[in-house]
C-alpha cells in the first residue's frame, strides 16, 4: 500500500517532486532535502496534499 505524495519547497512553496511512502509504516509527513530549481539551492521539501 504505497501512496504517491507531492513534495513542496519549504522556502518558495512550489511543488517540485513526487515520491511514494508507506502509509502504515510512516505516519508522519515526509521531509527530504532536495534541490529546488526555482530557489537554485538545496532546501527542505515537505509532503503536501
N, C-alpha and C. Protein backbone atom coordinates (compact mmCIF):
# COMPACT_ATOMS: atom_id res chain seq x y z
N UNK A 1 0.83 -1.19 0.00
CA UNK A 1 0.00 0.00 0.00
C UNK A 1 0.88 1.25 0.00
N UNK A 2 1.52 1.51 -1.09
CA UNK A 2 2.33 2.73 -1.18
C UNK A 2 1.48 3.84 -1.78
N UNK A 3 1.69 5.03 -1.28
CA UNK A 3 0.89 6.19 -1.68
C UNK A 3 1.78 7.23 -2.36
N UNK A 4 1.31 7.79 -3.46
CA UNK A 4 2.03 8.87 -4.13
C UNK A 4 1.83 10.16 -3.33
N UNK A 5 2.93 10.86 -3.04
CA UNK A 5 2.88 12.13 -2.33
C UNK A 5 3.63 13.19 -3.13
N UNK A 6 3.23 14.43 -2.98
CA UNK A 6 3.87 15.55 -3.64
C UNK A 6 4.73 16.27 -2.63
N UNK A 7 5.94 16.66 -3.04
CA UNK A 7 6.86 17.39 -2.17
C UNK A 7 6.95 18.83 -2.62
N UNK A 8 6.82 19.76 -1.67
CA UNK A 8 6.89 21.19 -1.97
C UNK A 8 8.05 21.82 -1.21
N UNK A 9 8.68 22.79 -1.82
CA UNK A 9 9.80 23.51 -1.22
C UNK A 9 9.31 24.29 0.00
N UNK A 10 10.09 24.27 1.08
CA UNK A 10 9.68 24.97 2.29
C UNK A 10 9.89 26.49 2.18
N UNK A 11 10.73 26.92 1.24
CA UNK A 11 11.00 28.36 1.11
C UNK A 11 10.08 29.03 0.09
N UNK A 12 9.99 28.50 -1.11
CA UNK A 12 9.18 29.15 -2.15
C UNK A 12 7.80 28.52 -2.31
N UNK A 13 7.55 27.39 -1.62
CA UNK A 13 6.25 26.70 -1.60
C UNK A 13 5.83 26.12 -2.95
N UNK A 14 6.75 25.93 -3.87
CA UNK A 14 6.41 25.34 -5.17
C UNK A 14 6.53 23.83 -5.10
N UNK A 15 5.64 23.16 -5.82
CA UNK A 15 5.62 21.70 -5.85
C UNK A 15 6.58 21.21 -6.93
N UNK A 16 7.68 20.58 -6.51
CA UNK A 16 8.74 20.21 -7.43
C UNK A 16 8.86 18.70 -7.67
N UNK A 17 8.59 17.89 -6.66
CA UNK A 17 8.88 16.46 -6.74
C UNK A 17 7.68 15.62 -6.32
N UNK A 18 7.67 14.37 -6.76
CA UNK A 18 6.72 13.38 -6.26
C UNK A 18 7.52 12.19 -5.75
N UNK A 19 6.96 11.50 -4.77
CA UNK A 19 7.61 10.35 -4.18
C UNK A 19 6.53 9.41 -3.68
N UNK A 20 6.95 8.25 -3.18
CA UNK A 20 5.99 7.32 -2.60
C UNK A 20 6.37 7.06 -1.16
N UNK A 21 5.34 6.74 -0.34
CA UNK A 21 5.61 6.37 1.03
C UNK A 21 4.60 5.33 1.48
N UNK A 22 4.97 4.55 2.46
CA UNK A 22 4.09 3.52 3.01
C UNK A 22 3.26 4.14 4.12
N UNK A 23 1.95 4.18 3.95
CA UNK A 23 1.06 4.83 4.91
C UNK A 23 1.04 4.12 6.25
N UNK A 24 1.21 2.81 6.26
CA UNK A 24 1.14 2.06 7.51
C UNK A 24 2.41 2.18 8.35
N UNK A 25 3.56 2.25 7.71
CA UNK A 25 4.82 2.33 8.45
C UNK A 25 5.17 3.76 8.84
N UNK A 26 4.95 4.74 7.96
CA UNK A 26 5.31 6.13 8.21
C UNK A 26 4.05 6.95 8.43
N UNK A 27 3.75 7.25 9.67
CA UNK A 27 2.55 8.04 9.99
C UNK A 27 2.78 9.53 9.80
N UNK A 28 4.02 9.99 10.04
CA UNK A 28 4.32 11.42 9.92
C UNK A 28 4.57 11.81 8.47
N UNK A 29 4.52 13.11 8.19
CA UNK A 29 4.72 13.60 6.83
C UNK A 29 6.18 13.48 6.43
N UNK A 30 6.40 13.24 5.16
CA UNK A 30 7.73 13.03 4.61
C UNK A 30 8.48 14.36 4.46
N UNK A 31 9.75 14.38 4.86
CA UNK A 31 10.62 15.55 4.70
C UNK A 31 11.94 15.10 4.10
N UNK A 32 12.32 15.69 2.98
CA UNK A 32 13.58 15.35 2.32
C UNK A 32 14.31 16.62 1.94
N UNK A 33 15.64 16.56 1.93
CA UNK A 33 16.45 17.69 1.48
C UNK A 33 16.75 17.47 0.01
N UNK A 34 16.18 18.32 -0.85
CA UNK A 34 16.32 18.16 -2.30
C UNK A 34 16.64 19.51 -2.93
N UNK A 35 17.06 19.46 -4.20
CA UNK A 35 17.40 20.67 -4.93
C UNK A 35 16.14 21.34 -5.47
N UNK A 36 16.00 22.65 -5.25
CA UNK A 36 14.89 23.42 -5.79
C UNK A 36 15.40 24.25 -6.96
N UNK A 37 14.91 24.01 -8.17
CA UNK A 37 15.40 24.77 -9.33
C UNK A 37 14.97 26.23 -9.32
N UNK A 38 13.91 26.56 -8.59
CA UNK A 38 13.45 27.94 -8.53
C UNK A 38 14.26 28.76 -7.54
N UNK A 39 14.63 28.16 -6.40
CA UNK A 39 15.49 28.83 -5.41
C UNK A 39 16.97 28.70 -5.78
N UNK A 40 17.28 27.73 -6.63
CA UNK A 40 18.65 27.41 -7.06
C UNK A 40 19.56 27.00 -5.90
N UNK A 41 18.99 26.22 -4.97
CA UNK A 41 19.79 25.68 -3.86
C UNK A 41 19.06 24.49 -3.26
N UNK A 42 19.74 23.74 -2.39
CA UNK A 42 19.14 22.62 -1.70
C UNK A 42 18.33 23.13 -0.52
N UNK A 43 17.07 22.69 -0.44
CA UNK A 43 16.18 23.09 0.65
C UNK A 43 15.40 21.88 1.15
N UNK A 44 14.72 22.07 2.27
CA UNK A 44 13.85 21.02 2.80
C UNK A 44 12.57 21.01 1.99
N UNK A 45 12.18 19.84 1.53
CA UNK A 45 10.92 19.65 0.80
C UNK A 45 9.99 18.81 1.66
N UNK A 46 8.78 19.32 1.91
CA UNK A 46 7.83 18.63 2.77
C UNK A 46 6.65 18.11 1.96
N UNK A 47 6.05 17.08 2.48
CA UNK A 47 4.88 16.47 1.84
C UNK A 47 3.68 17.41 1.96
N UNK A 48 2.96 17.56 0.84
CA UNK A 48 1.72 18.33 0.81
C UNK A 48 0.63 17.44 0.23
N UNK A 49 -0.62 17.85 0.38
CA UNK A 49 -1.73 17.03 -0.12
C UNK A 49 -1.88 17.20 -1.61
